[in-house]
N, C-alpha and C. Protein backbone atom coordinates (compact mmCIF):
# COMPACT_ATOMS: atom_id res chain seq x y z
N MET A 1 3.42 -7.02 -45.94
CA MET A 1 4.77 -7.41 -46.35
C MET A 1 4.47 -8.64 -47.08
N THR A 2 5.16 -8.92 -48.21
CA THR A 2 4.93 -10.09 -48.77
C THR A 2 6.22 -10.97 -49.10
N VAL A 3 6.46 -11.98 -48.85
CA VAL A 3 7.58 -12.71 -48.91
C VAL A 3 7.57 -13.89 -49.98
N TYR A 4 8.10 -14.02 -50.74
CA TYR A 4 8.08 -15.10 -51.66
C TYR A 4 8.92 -16.12 -51.65
N VAL A 5 8.63 -17.40 -51.58
CA VAL A 5 9.66 -18.60 -51.27
C VAL A 5 9.19 -19.72 -52.38
N ASP A 6 10.33 -20.06 -53.03
CA ASP A 6 10.18 -21.00 -54.08
C ASP A 6 11.19 -22.38 -53.38
N ALA A 7 9.88 -23.56 -52.82
CA ALA A 7 10.32 -24.58 -51.90
C ALA A 7 10.50 -25.88 -53.05
N GLY A 8 11.73 -26.44 -52.80
CA GLY A 8 11.75 -27.81 -53.81
C GLY A 8 11.58 -28.97 -52.65
N CYS A 9 11.49 -28.93 -51.33
CA CYS A 9 11.70 -29.63 -50.31
C CYS A 9 10.20 -29.77 -49.62
N ASP A 10 9.78 -30.97 -49.37
CA ASP A 10 8.28 -30.81 -48.31
C ASP A 10 8.46 -30.48 -47.15
N SER A 11 9.85 -30.61 -46.43
CA SER A 11 9.94 -29.92 -45.10
C SER A 11 9.93 -28.44 -45.26
N LEU A 12 10.71 -27.88 -46.30
CA LEU A 12 10.59 -26.30 -46.33
C LEU A 12 9.24 -25.70 -46.57
N ALA A 13 8.46 -26.34 -47.57
CA ALA A 13 7.17 -25.89 -48.00
C ALA A 13 6.14 -26.00 -46.58
N ARG A 14 6.33 -26.82 -45.76
CA ARG A 14 5.90 -27.39 -44.49
C ARG A 14 5.95 -26.17 -43.35
N LEU A 15 7.28 -25.70 -43.50
CA LEU A 15 7.88 -24.53 -42.70
C LEU A 15 7.13 -23.47 -43.14
N CYS A 16 7.23 -23.12 -44.59
CA CYS A 16 6.71 -21.90 -45.08
C CYS A 16 5.06 -21.90 -44.35
N ALA A 17 4.45 -23.10 -44.73
CA ALA A 17 3.13 -22.75 -44.44
C ALA A 17 2.93 -22.54 -43.15
N TYR A 18 3.61 -23.19 -42.20
CA TYR A 18 3.79 -22.87 -40.56
C TYR A 18 3.85 -21.31 -40.42
N TYR A 19 4.96 -20.58 -41.08
CA TYR A 19 5.30 -19.44 -40.66
C TYR A 19 4.07 -18.31 -41.22
N GLU A 20 3.32 -18.77 -42.10
CA GLU A 20 2.45 -17.96 -42.86
C GLU A 20 1.03 -18.16 -41.87
N GLN A 21 0.78 -19.24 -41.61
CA GLN A 21 -0.25 -19.43 -40.53
C GLN A 21 0.02 -18.49 -38.93
N GLU A 22 1.26 -18.47 -38.57
CA GLU A 22 1.78 -18.29 -37.23
C GLU A 22 1.69 -16.70 -37.94
N ASN A 23 1.95 -16.03 -38.90
CA ASN A 23 2.04 -14.50 -39.20
C ASN A 23 0.69 -13.86 -39.08
N ASP A 24 -0.29 -14.88 -39.62
CA ASP A 24 -1.80 -14.55 -39.47
C ASP A 24 -2.26 -14.41 -38.19
N ARG A 25 -1.92 -15.40 -37.48
CA ARG A 25 -2.29 -15.63 -35.98
C ARG A 25 -2.06 -14.42 -35.29
N LEU A 26 -0.64 -14.14 -35.20
CA LEU A 26 -0.23 -12.89 -34.57
C LEU A 26 -0.62 -11.53 -35.02
N SER A 27 -1.07 -11.67 -36.38
CA SER A 27 -1.55 -10.10 -36.89
C SER A 27 -3.25 -10.23 -36.25
N VAL A 28 -3.89 -11.14 -36.30
CA VAL A 28 -4.96 -11.19 -35.68
C VAL A 28 -5.05 -10.57 -34.22
N ALA A 29 -4.04 -11.51 -33.35
CA ALA A 29 -3.89 -11.04 -31.93
C ALA A 29 -3.54 -9.48 -31.76
N ASN A 30 -2.61 -8.93 -32.45
CA ASN A 30 -1.95 -7.50 -32.27
C ASN A 30 -3.06 -6.65 -32.89
N THR A 31 -4.10 -7.03 -33.75
CA THR A 31 -4.85 -5.97 -33.90
C THR A 31 -6.20 -6.03 -32.47
N HIS A 32 -6.29 -7.47 -32.20
CA HIS A 32 -7.44 -7.59 -31.31
C HIS A 32 -6.72 -6.78 -29.74
N LEU A 33 -5.58 -6.80 -29.27
CA LEU A 33 -4.78 -6.39 -28.19
C LEU A 33 -4.60 -4.67 -28.42
N THR A 34 -4.61 -4.32 -29.55
CA THR A 34 -4.48 -2.82 -29.90
C THR A 34 -5.84 -2.06 -29.63
N ASN A 35 -6.96 -2.92 -30.10
CA ASN A 35 -8.34 -2.59 -30.13
C ASN A 35 -8.50 -2.39 -28.32
N THR A 36 -8.43 -3.44 -27.52
CA THR A 36 -8.50 -3.43 -26.50
C THR A 36 -7.81 -2.39 -25.39
N MET A 37 -6.43 -2.34 -25.70
CA MET A 37 -5.59 -1.27 -24.92
C MET A 37 -6.08 0.06 -25.22
N SER A 38 -6.52 0.33 -26.56
CA SER A 38 -7.14 2.03 -26.85
C SER A 38 -8.45 2.07 -25.98
N LYS A 39 -9.23 1.19 -25.96
CA LYS A 39 -10.58 1.46 -25.42
C LYS A 39 -10.14 1.46 -23.71
N LYS A 40 -9.31 0.81 -23.29
CA LYS A 40 -9.07 0.70 -21.81
C LYS A 40 -8.37 2.19 -21.52
N GLU A 41 -7.57 2.25 -22.26
CA GLU A 41 -6.70 3.66 -22.04
C GLU A 41 -7.57 4.96 -22.11
N GLN A 42 -8.61 4.96 -22.80
CA GLN A 42 -9.74 6.02 -23.08
C GLN A 42 -10.42 6.06 -21.84
N GLU A 43 -10.84 4.92 -21.22
CA GLU A 43 -11.56 4.83 -20.19
C GLU A 43 -10.79 5.12 -18.81
N LYS A 44 -9.31 4.79 -18.83
CA LYS A 44 -8.78 4.71 -17.69
C LYS A 44 -8.26 6.21 -17.45
N LYS A 45 -7.80 6.92 -18.51
CA LYS A 45 -7.20 8.14 -18.47
C LYS A 45 -8.48 9.36 -18.33
N SER A 46 -8.43 10.08 -17.19
CA SER A 46 -9.61 11.23 -17.20
C SER A 46 -8.76 12.45 -16.96
N LEU A 47 -9.05 13.78 -17.02
CA LEU A 47 -8.40 14.79 -16.80
C LEU A 47 -7.85 14.81 -15.40
N PRO A 48 -8.83 14.93 -14.45
CA PRO A 48 -8.34 14.94 -13.10
C PRO A 48 -7.47 14.06 -12.70
N CYS A 49 -7.44 12.75 -13.31
CA CYS A 49 -6.44 11.77 -12.61
C CYS A 49 -4.95 12.14 -13.53
N ALA A 50 -4.92 12.81 -14.75
CA ALA A 50 -3.84 12.90 -15.28
C ALA A 50 -3.01 14.08 -14.16
N TRP A 51 -3.77 15.07 -13.90
CA TRP A 51 -3.31 16.29 -13.06
C TRP A 51 -2.90 15.60 -11.76
N TRP A 52 -3.44 14.67 -11.22
CA TRP A 52 -2.88 14.15 -10.11
C TRP A 52 -1.47 13.24 -10.20
N GLU A 53 -1.32 12.61 -11.34
CA GLU A 53 -0.19 12.26 -11.63
C GLU A 53 0.83 13.13 -11.95
N LEU A 54 0.58 14.26 -12.26
CA LEU A 54 1.84 15.12 -12.87
C LEU A 54 1.97 16.00 -11.64
N LEU A 55 0.99 16.31 -10.65
CA LEU A 55 1.46 16.82 -9.06
C LEU A 55 2.44 16.01 -8.40
N ALA A 56 2.05 14.50 -8.35
CA ALA A 56 2.82 13.87 -7.90
C ALA A 56 4.28 13.50 -8.19
N THR A 57 4.41 13.55 -9.46
CA THR A 57 5.63 13.24 -10.14
C THR A 57 6.40 14.66 -9.76
N LEU A 58 5.92 15.79 -10.05
CA LEU A 58 6.80 17.04 -9.75
C LEU A 58 7.01 16.96 -8.03
N ILE A 59 6.16 16.74 -6.84
CA ILE A 59 6.39 16.73 -5.71
C ILE A 59 7.59 15.75 -5.42
N ALA A 60 7.50 14.40 -6.18
CA ALA A 60 8.69 13.54 -5.72
C ALA A 60 10.07 14.21 -6.53
N GLY A 61 9.96 14.73 -7.56
CA GLY A 61 11.21 15.30 -8.16
C GLY A 61 11.67 16.32 -7.46
N LEU A 62 11.04 17.53 -6.96
CA LEU A 62 11.20 18.23 -5.98
C LEU A 62 11.86 17.61 -4.55
N LEU A 63 11.42 16.52 -4.27
CA LEU A 63 11.84 15.94 -3.00
C LEU A 63 13.19 15.11 -3.25
N LEU A 64 13.19 14.89 -4.41
CA LEU A 64 14.53 13.87 -4.50
C LEU A 64 15.71 15.01 -4.96
N GLY A 65 15.43 16.13 -5.42
CA GLY A 65 16.47 16.96 -6.00
C GLY A 65 16.83 17.72 -4.55
N GLY A 66 16.05 18.01 -3.54
CA GLY A 66 16.32 18.48 -2.10
C GLY A 66 17.11 17.48 -1.38
N VAL A 67 16.88 16.33 -1.59
CA VAL A 67 17.54 15.22 -0.72
C VAL A 67 19.01 15.22 -1.60
N THR A 68 19.05 15.01 -2.75
CA THR A 68 20.55 15.17 -3.23
C THR A 68 21.20 16.11 -2.79
N ILE A 69 20.79 17.60 -3.07
CA ILE A 69 21.48 18.70 -2.69
C ILE A 69 21.91 18.56 -1.16
N PHE A 70 21.15 18.25 -0.37
CA PHE A 70 21.35 18.28 1.13
C PHE A 70 22.23 17.30 1.18
N LEU A 71 22.63 16.05 0.60
CA LEU A 71 23.27 15.13 0.76
C LEU A 71 25.02 15.67 0.15
N THR A 72 24.80 16.22 -0.93
CA THR A 72 26.26 16.60 -1.48
C THR A 72 26.78 17.91 -0.80
N THR A 73 25.89 18.65 -0.28
CA THR A 73 26.15 19.89 0.38
C THR A 73 26.75 19.40 1.65
N ARG A 74 26.16 18.55 2.36
CA ARG A 74 26.56 18.41 3.78
C ARG A 74 28.03 18.10 3.76
N LYS A 75 28.40 17.31 2.93
CA LYS A 75 29.93 16.90 3.15
C LYS A 75 30.78 18.20 3.17
N LYS A 76 30.24 19.11 2.21
CA LYS A 76 31.31 20.36 2.19
C LYS A 76 31.05 20.85 3.42
N TRP A 77 30.03 21.27 3.91
CA TRP A 77 29.87 22.12 5.21
C TRP A 77 30.48 21.44 6.18
N LYS A 78 30.95 20.13 6.48
CA LYS A 78 31.53 19.29 7.35
C LYS A 78 33.02 19.89 7.29
N LYS A 79 33.65 19.89 6.08
CA LYS A 79 35.02 20.29 5.80
C LYS A 79 35.42 21.85 6.32
N VAL A 80 34.23 22.75 6.26
CA VAL A 80 34.45 24.10 6.61
C VAL A 80 34.37 24.56 7.91
N PHE A 81 33.57 23.44 8.83
CA PHE A 81 33.36 23.83 10.27
C PHE A 81 34.33 22.68 10.96
């Protein structure tokens, strides 16, 4: 992305230079962070680990669904008996 600024004031020119340097600094930091994260994610995620996470999520969902059904139907059954 390119931004063109025509400045007639020294403070505005300094501000433009500051934001240009800040943009360059953040761009380098973002590139470094992206490279670091992708390497760590590749090392971290292995196939067996992903299956255990999937299984744990499934079990948690089933338990939460069962508890929710129990709590909502319990009130109806108290009215019947």
